[in-house]
PDB file of N, CA and C in Angstrom:
ATOM      1  N   MET A   1     -41.897 157.754 112.504  1.00  0.00           N
ATOM      2  CA  MET A   1     -40.587 157.796 113.118  1.00  0.00           C
ATOM      3  C   MET A   1     -40.198 159.217 113.518  1.00  0.00           C
ATOM      4  N   THR A   2     -40.519 160.191 112.652  1.00  0.00           N
ATOM      5  CA  THR A   2     -40.151 161.569 112.932  1.00  0.00           C
ATOM      6  C   THR A   2     -41.228 162.503 112.403  1.00  0.00           C
ATOM      7  N   GLU A   3     -41.304 163.673 112.959  1.00  0.00           N
ATOM      8  CA  GLU A   3     -42.262 164.665 112.477  1.00  0.00           C
ATOM      9  C   GLU A   3     -41.594 165.671 111.537  1.00  0.00           C
ATOM     10  N   ILE A   4     -40.324 165.477 111.274  1.00  0.00           N
ATOM     11  CA  ILE A   4     -39.588 166.361 110.367  1.00  0.00           C
ATOM     12  C   ILE A   4     -39.570 165.725 108.981  1.00  0.00           C
ATOM     13  N   ASN A   5     -40.098 166.446 108.007  1.00  0.00           N
ATOM     14  CA  ASN A   5     -40.132 165.973 106.628  1.00  0.00           C
ATOM     15  C   ASN A   5     -39.099 166.740 105.821  1.00  0.00           C
ATOM     16  N   ILE A   6     -38.162 166.018 105.206  1.00  0.00           N
ATOM     17  CA  ILE A   6     -37.116 166.691 104.451  1.00  0.00           C
ATOM     18  C   ILE A   6     -37.139 166.250 102.991  1.00  0.00           C
ATOM     19  N   GLU A   7     -36.654 167.132 102.153  1.00  0.00           N
ATOM     20  CA  GLU A   7     -36.394 166.835 100.754  1.00  0.00           C
ATOM     21  C   GLU A   7     -34.882 166.955 100.588  1.00  0.00           C
ATOM     22  N   PRO A   8     -34.177 165.810 100.603  1.00  0.00           N
ATOM     23  CA  PRO A   8     -32.713 165.857 100.494  1.00  0.00           C
ATOM     24  C   PRO A   8     -32.288 166.243  99.081  1.00  0.00           C
ATOM     25  N   HIS A   9     -31.094 166.792  98.964  1.00  0.00           N
ATOM     26  CA  HIS A   9     -30.519 167.218  97.682  1.00  0.00           C
ATOM     27  C   HIS A   9     -31.400 168.260  97.002  1.00  0.00           C
ATOM     28  N   PHE A  10     -32.122 169.063  97.798  1.00  0.00           N
ATOM     29  CA  PHE A  10     -33.050 170.049  97.241  1.00  0.00           C
ATOM     30  C   PHE A  10     -32.289 171.109  96.457  1.00  0.00           C
ATOM     31  N   ASP A  11     -32.790 171.408  95.257  1.00  0.00           N
ATOM     32  CA  ASP A  11     -32.197 172.429  94.386  1.00  0.00           C
ATOM     33  C   ASP A  11     -33.302 173.372  93.957  1.00  0.00           C
ATOM     34  N   ILE A  12     -33.276 174.599  94.472  1.00  0.00           N
ATOM     35  CA  ILE A  12     -34.306 175.589  94.175  1.00  0.00           C
ATOM     36  C   ILE A  12     -34.392 175.880  92.674  1.00  0.00           C
ATOM     37  N   ASN A  13     -33.292 175.656  91.961  1.00  0.00           N
ATOM     38  CA  ASN A  13     -33.254 175.911  90.520  1.00  0.00           C
ATOM     39  C   ASN A  13     -33.492 174.638  89.711  1.00  0.00           C
ATOM     40  N   ASN A  14     -34.148 173.659  90.320  1.00  0.00           N
ATOM     41  CA  ASN A  14     -34.403 172.368  89.685  1.00  0.00           C
ATOM     42  C   ASN A  14     -35.224 172.555  88.411  1.00  0.00           C
ATOM     43  N   ASP A  15     -34.728 172.029  87.315  1.00  0.00           N
ATOM     44  CA  ASP A  15     -35.441 172.107  86.041  1.00  0.00           C
ATOM     45  C   ASP A  15     -36.482 171.004  85.891  1.00  0.00           C
ATOM     46  N   ASN A  16     -36.533 170.058  86.826  1.00  0.00           N
ATOM     47  CA  ASN A  16     -37.487 168.963  86.762  1.00  0.00           C
ATOM     48  C   ASN A  16     -38.830 169.449  87.305  1.00  0.00           C
ATOM     49  N   MET A  17     -39.672 169.937  86.421  1.00  0.00           N
ATOM     50  CA  MET A  17     -40.948 170.531  86.823  1.00  0.00           C
ATOM     51  C   MET A  17     -41.887 169.505  87.482  1.00  0.00           C
ATOM     52  N   ILE A  18     -41.812 168.241  87.049  1.00  0.00           N
ATOM     53  CA  ILE A  18     -42.663 167.205  87.643  1.00  0.00           C
ATOM     54  C   ILE A  18     -42.285 166.984  89.099  1.00  0.00           C
ATOM     55  N   GLN A  19     -40.971 166.921  89.384  1.00  0.00           N
ATOM     56  CA  GLN A  19     -40.514 166.731  90.756  1.00  0.00           C
ATOM     57  C   GLN A  19     -40.880 167.940  91.621  1.00  0.00           C
ATOM     58  N   MET A  20     -40.662 169.160  91.113  1.00  0.00           N
ATOM     59  CA  MET A  20     -40.968 170.359  91.892  1.00  0.00           C
ATOM     60  C   MET A  20     -42.472 170.455  92.153  1.00  0.00           C
ATOM     61  N   LYS A  21     -43.309 170.126  91.174  1.00  0.00           N
ATOM     62  CA  LYS A  21     -44.757 170.151  91.374  1.00  0.00           C
ATOM     63  C   LYS A  21     -45.159 169.155  92.458  1.00  0.00           C
ATOM     64  N   SER A  22     -44.541 167.980  92.452  1.00  0.00           N
ATOM     65  CA  SER A  22     -44.829 166.965  93.466  1.00  0.00           C
ATOM     66  C   SER A  22     -44.481 167.468  94.867  1.00  0.00           C
ATOM     67  N   ILE A  23     -43.330 168.125  94.997  1.00  0.00           N
ATOM     68  CA  ILE A  23     -42.907 168.681  96.291  1.00  0.00           C
ATOM     69  C   ILE A  23     -43.885 169.757  96.742  1.00  0.00           C
ATOM     70  N   LEU A  24     -44.231 170.669  95.835  1.00  0.00           N
ATOM     71  CA  LEU A  24     -45.146 171.758  96.194  1.00  0.00           C
ATOM     72  C   LEU A  24     -46.535 171.227  96.539  1.00  0.00           C
ATOM     73  N   ASP A  25     -47.025 170.230  95.806  1.00  0.00           N
ATOM     74  CA  ASP A  25     -48.323 169.627  96.125  1.00  0.00           C
ATOM     75  C   ASP A  25     -48.309 169.013  97.520  1.00  0.00           C
ATOM     76  N   GLU A  26     -47.247 168.313  97.852  1.00  0.00           N
ATOM     77  CA  GLU A  26     -47.130 167.678  99.172  1.00  0.00           C
ATOM     78  C   GLU A  26     -47.051 168.727 100.290  1.00  0.00           C
ATOM     79  N   SER A  27     -46.525 169.905  99.974  1.00  0.00           N
ATOM     80  CA  SER A  27     -46.366 170.958 100.981  1.00  0.00           C
ATOM     81  C   SER A  27     -47.700 171.498 101.485  1.00  0.00           C
ATOM     82  N   PHE A  28     -48.796 171.182 100.804  1.00  0.00           N
ATOM     83  CA  PHE A  28     -50.109 171.592 101.299  1.00  0.00           C
ATOM     84  C   PHE A  28     -50.599 170.663 102.415  1.00  0.00           C
ATOM     85  N   LYS A  29     -49.925 169.531 102.580  1.00  0.00           N
ATOM     86  CA  LYS A  29     -50.288 168.572 103.623  1.00  0.00           C
ATOM     87  C   LYS A  29     -49.385 168.671 104.847  1.00  0.00           C
ATOM     88  N   ARG A  30     -48.165 169.167 104.664  1.00  0.00           N
ATOM     89  CA  ARG A  30     -47.188 169.200 105.755  1.00  0.00           C
ATOM     90  C   ARG A  30     -46.045 170.151 105.397  1.00  0.00           C
ATOM     91  N   VAL A  31     -45.308 170.586 106.397  1.00  0.00           N
ATOM     92  CA  VAL A  31     -44.104 171.390 106.177  1.00  0.00           C
ATOM     93  C   VAL A  31     -42.996 170.462 105.691  1.00  0.00           C
ATOM     94  N   ILE A  32     -42.278 170.900 104.677  1.00  0.00           N
ATOM     95  CA  ILE A  32     -41.140 170.153 104.156  1.00  0.00           C
ATOM     96  C   ILE A  32     -39.921 171.058 104.250  1.00  0.00           C
ATOM     97  N   TYR A  33     -38.816 170.513 104.697  1.00  0.00           N
ATOM     98  CA  TYR A  33     -37.565 171.254 104.747  1.00  0.00           C
ATOM     99  C   TYR A  33     -36.691 170.794 103.580  1.00  0.00           C
ATOM    100  N   GLY A  34     -36.372 171.727 102.693  1.00  0.00           N
ATOM    101  CA  GLY A  34     -35.520 171.427 101.550  1.00  0.00           C
ATOM    102  C   GLY A  34     -34.067 171.625 101.925  1.00  0.00           C
ATOM    103  N   LEU A  35     -33.310 170.541 101.902  1.00  0.00           N
ATOM    104  CA  LEU A  35     -31.899 170.585 102.289  1.00  0.00           C
ATOM    105  C   LEU A  35     -31.012 170.356 101.072  1.00  0.00           C
ATOM    106  N   PRO A  36     -30.313 171.406 100.607  1.00  0.00           N
ATOM    107  CA  PRO A  36     -29.357 171.214  99.519  1.00  0.00           C
ATOM    108  C   PRO A  36     -28.171 170.371  99.981  1.00  0.00           C
ATOM    109  N   ASP A  37     -27.397 169.887  99.042  1.00  0.00           N
ATOM    110  CA  ASP A  37     -26.184 169.138  99.377  1.00  0.00           C
ATOM    111  C   ASP A  37     -25.308 169.965 100.316  1.00  0.00           C
ATOM    112  N   GLY A  38     -24.774 169.329 101.335  1.00  0.00           N
ATOM    113  CA  GLY A  38     -23.906 169.992 102.301  1.00  0.00           C
ATOM    114  C   GLY A  38     -24.630 170.447 103.557  1.00  0.00           C
ATOM    115  N   SER A  39     -25.963 170.455 103.556  1.00  0.00           N
ATOM    116  CA  SER A  39     -26.742 170.830 104.736  1.00  0.00           C
ATOM    117  C   SER A  39     -27.227 169.570 105.431  1.00  0.00           C
ATOM    118  N   TYR A  40     -27.486 169.674 106.744  1.00  0.00           N
ATOM    119  CA  TYR A  40     -27.961 168.504 107.476  1.00  0.00           C
ATOM    120  C   TYR A  40     -28.731 168.926 108.723  1.00  0.00           C
ATOM    121  N   ILE A  41     -29.479 167.979 109.286  1.00  0.00           N
ATOM    122  CA  ILE A  41     -30.218 168.190 110.526  1.00  0.00           C
ATOM    123  C   ILE A  41     -29.659 167.240 111.576  1.00  0.00           C
ATOM    124  N   GLU A  42     -29.391 167.793 112.752  1.00  0.00           N
ATOM    125  CA  GLU A  42     -28.947 166.991 113.890  1.00  0.00           C
ATOM    126  C   GLU A  42     -29.601 167.554 115.139  1.00  0.00           C
ATOM    127  N   SER A  43     -30.275 166.700 115.882  1.00  0.00           N
ATOM    128  CA  SER A  43     -30.939 167.094 117.136  1.00  0.00           C
ATOM    129  C   SER A  43     -31.841 168.308 116.950  1.00  0.00           C
ATOM    130  N   ASN A  44     -32.708 168.240 115.943  1.00  0.00           N
ATOM    131  CA  ASN A  44     -33.674 169.308 115.643  1.00  0.00           C
ATOM    132  C   ASN A  44     -33.023 170.650 115.308  1.00  0.00           C
ATOM    133  N   LYS A  45     -31.800 170.621 114.844  1.00  0.00           N
ATOM    134  CA  LYS A  45     -31.102 171.840 114.445  1.00  0.00           C
ATOM    135  C   LYS A  45     -30.591 171.663 113.012  1.00  0.00           C
ATOM    136  N   VAL A  46     -30.888 172.648 112.169  1.00  0.00           N
ATOM    137  CA  VAL A  46     -30.428 172.631 110.784  1.00  0.00           C
ATOM    138  C   VAL A  46     -29.084 173.331 110.718  1.00  0.00           C
ATOM    139  N   TYR A  47     -28.148 172.721 110.012  1.00  0.00           N
ATOM    140  CA  TYR A  47     -26.831 173.320 109.769  1.00  0.00           C
ATOM    141  C   TYR A  47     -26.683 173.526 108.266  1.00  0.00           C
ATOM    142  N   GLY A  48     -26.490 174.760 107.863  1.00  0.00           N
ATOM    143  CA  GLY A  48     -26.350 175.088 106.443  1.00  0.00           C
ATOM    144  C   GLY A  48     -27.661 175.561 105.841  1.00  0.00           C
ATOM    145  N   ARG A  49     -27.625 175.758 104.542  1.00  0.00           N
ATOM    146  CA  ARG A  49     -28.783 176.297 103.824  1.00  0.00           C
ATOM    147  C   ARG A  49     -29.984 175.360 103.947  1.00  0.00           C
ATOM    148  N   CYS A  50     -31.156 175.975 104.195  1.00  0.00           N
ATOM    149  CA  CYS A  50     -32.384 175.200 104.336  1.00  0.00           C
ATOM    150  C   CYS A  50     -33.565 176.050 103.892  1.00  0.00           C
ATOM    151  N   TYR A  51     -34.492 175.397 103.219  1.00  0.00           N
ATOM    152  CA  TYR A  51     -35.711 176.059 102.754  1.00  0.00           C
ATOM    153  C   TYR A  51     -36.916 175.470 103.463  1.00  0.00           C
ATOM    154  N   ASN A  52     -37.860 176.330 103.831  1.00  0.00           N
ATOM    155  CA  ASN A  52     -39.141 175.916 104.382  1.00  0.00           C
ATOM    156  C   ASN A  52     -40.117 175.899 103.209  1.00  0.00           C
ATOM    157  N   ILE A  53     -40.688 174.734 102.942  1.00  0.00           N
ATOM    158  CA  ILE A  53     -41.630 174.588 101.835  1.00  0.00           C
ATOM    159  C   ILE A  53     -42.984 174.271 102.451  1.00  0.00           C
ATOM    160  N   TYR A  54     -43.936 175.198 102.318  1.00  0.00           N
ATOM    161  CA  TYR A  54     -45.230 175.035 102.975  1.00  0.00           C
ATOM    162  C   TYR A  54     -46.305 175.777 102.198  1.00  0.00           C
ATOM    163  N   LYS A  55     -47.411 175.093 101.969  1.00  0.00           N
ATOM    164  CA  LYS A  55     -48.570 175.640 101.250  1.00  0.00           C
ATOM    165  C   LYS A  55     -48.171 176.255  99.911  1.00  0.00           C
ATOM    166  N   GLY A  56     -47.268 175.582  99.206  1.00  0.00           N
ATOM    167  CA  GLY A  56     -46.860 176.012  97.876  1.00  0.00           C
ATOM    168  C   GLY A  56     -45.824 177.117  97.845  1.00  0.00           C
ATOM    169  N   ASN A  57     -45.373 177.561  98.998  1.00  0.00           N
ATOM    170  CA  ASN A  57     -44.368 178.628  99.081  1.00  0.00           C
ATOM    171  C   ASN A  57     -43.015 178.059  99.498  1.00  0.00           C
ATOM    172  N   ILE A  58     -41.962 178.645  98.976  1.00  0.00           N
ATOM    173  CA  ILE A  58     -40.603 178.249  99.335  1.00  0.00           C
ATOM    174  C   ILE A  58     -39.900 179.469  99.916  1.00  0.00           C
ATOM    175  N   GLU A  59     -39.420 179.327 101.150  1.00  0.00           N
ATOM    176  CA  GLU A  59     -38.774 180.426 101.857  1.00  0.00           C
ATOM    177  C   GLU A  59     -37.467 179.930 102.467  1.00  0.00           C
ATOM    178  N   ILE A  60     -36.398 180.669 102.284  1.00  0.00           N
ATOM    179  CA  ILE A  60     -35.127 180.287 102.901  1.00  0.00           C
ATOM    180  C   ILE A  60     -35.190 180.628 104.393  1.00  0.00           C
ATOM    181  N   ILE A  61     -34.806 179.667 105.224  1.00  0.00           N
ATOM    182  CA  ILE A  61     -34.839 179.904 106.674  1.00  0.00           C
ATOM    183  C   ILE A  61     -33.454 179.852 107.302  1.00  0.00           C
ATOM    184  N   CYS A  62     -32.461 179.392 106.549  1.00  0.00           N
ATOM    185  CA  CYS A  62     -31.107 179.302 107.071  1.00  0.00           C
ATOM    186  C   CYS A  62     -30.132 179.353 105.894  1.00  0.00           C
ATOM    187  N   ASN A  63     -29.057 180.103 106.050  1.00  0.00           N
ATOM    188  CA  ASN A  63     -28.046 180.238 105.002  1.00  0.00           C
ATOM    189  C   ASN A  63     -26.837 179.353 105.292  1.00  0.00           C
ATOM    190  N   ASP A  64     -25.951 179.275 104.309  1.00  0.00           N
ATOM    191  CA  ASP A  64     -24.696 178.560 104.502  1.00  0.00           C
ATOM    192  C   ASP A  64     -23.973 179.119 105.728  1.00  0.00           C
ATOM    193  N   ASN A  65     -23.293 178.263 106.444  1.00  0.00           N
ATOM    194  CA  ASN A  65     -22.501 178.639 107.633  1.00  0.00           C
ATOM    195  C   ASN A  65     -23.348 179.205 108.762  1.00  0.00           C
ATOM    196  N   GLU A  66     -24.647 178.874 108.790  1.00  0.00           N
ATOM    197  CA  GLU A  66     -25.535 179.267 109.874  1.00  0.00           C
ATOM    198  C   GLU A  66     -26.222 178.016 110.410  1.00  0.00           C
ATOM    199  N   CYS A  67     -26.922 178.171 111.523  1.00  0.00           N
ATOM    200  CA  CYS A  67     -27.744 177.074 112.034  1.00  0.00           C
ATOM    201  C   CYS A  67     -29.076 177.635 112.488  1.00  0.00           C
ATOM    202  N   PHE A  68     -30.069 176.752 112.573  1.00  0.00           N
ATOM    203  CA  PHE A  68     -31.446 177.156 112.856  1.00  0.00           C
ATOM    204  C   PHE A  68     -32.116 176.045 113.653  1.00  0.00           C
ATOM    205  N   LEU A  69     -32.754 176.377 114.761  1.00  0.00           N
ATOM    206  CA  LEU A  69     -33.450 175.396 115.592  1.00  0.00           C
ATOM    207  C   LEU A  69     -34.860 175.173 115.042  1.00  0.00           C
ATOM    208  N   LEU A  70     -35.184 173.931 114.710  1.00  0.00           N
ATOM    209  CA  LEU A  70     -36.512 173.587 114.232  1.00  0.00           C
ATOM    210  C   LEU A  70     -37.469 173.502 115.414  1.00  0.00           C
ATOM    211  N   GLU A  71     -38.679 173.958 115.237  1.00  0.00           N
ATOM    212  CA  GLU A  71     -39.678 173.914 116.317  1.00  0.00           C
ATOM    213  C   GLU A  71     -40.466 172.647 116.257  1.00  0.00           C
TER     214      GLU A  71
END
């Protein structure tokens, strides 16, 4: 349906190590966008805080009150 893979309700400080390991393992197969509560994607544009999770790395790509165009 879509080529955008998201992890909704993403919390970088998540204490659930099993869930975080699962997300990081999956990131070796595809890019995942971690969207904390309050962030959303509309028309390939992220509004609010967003993390790029890829190949086991987590990088912030957009902060609160900002927007970012997904490629």
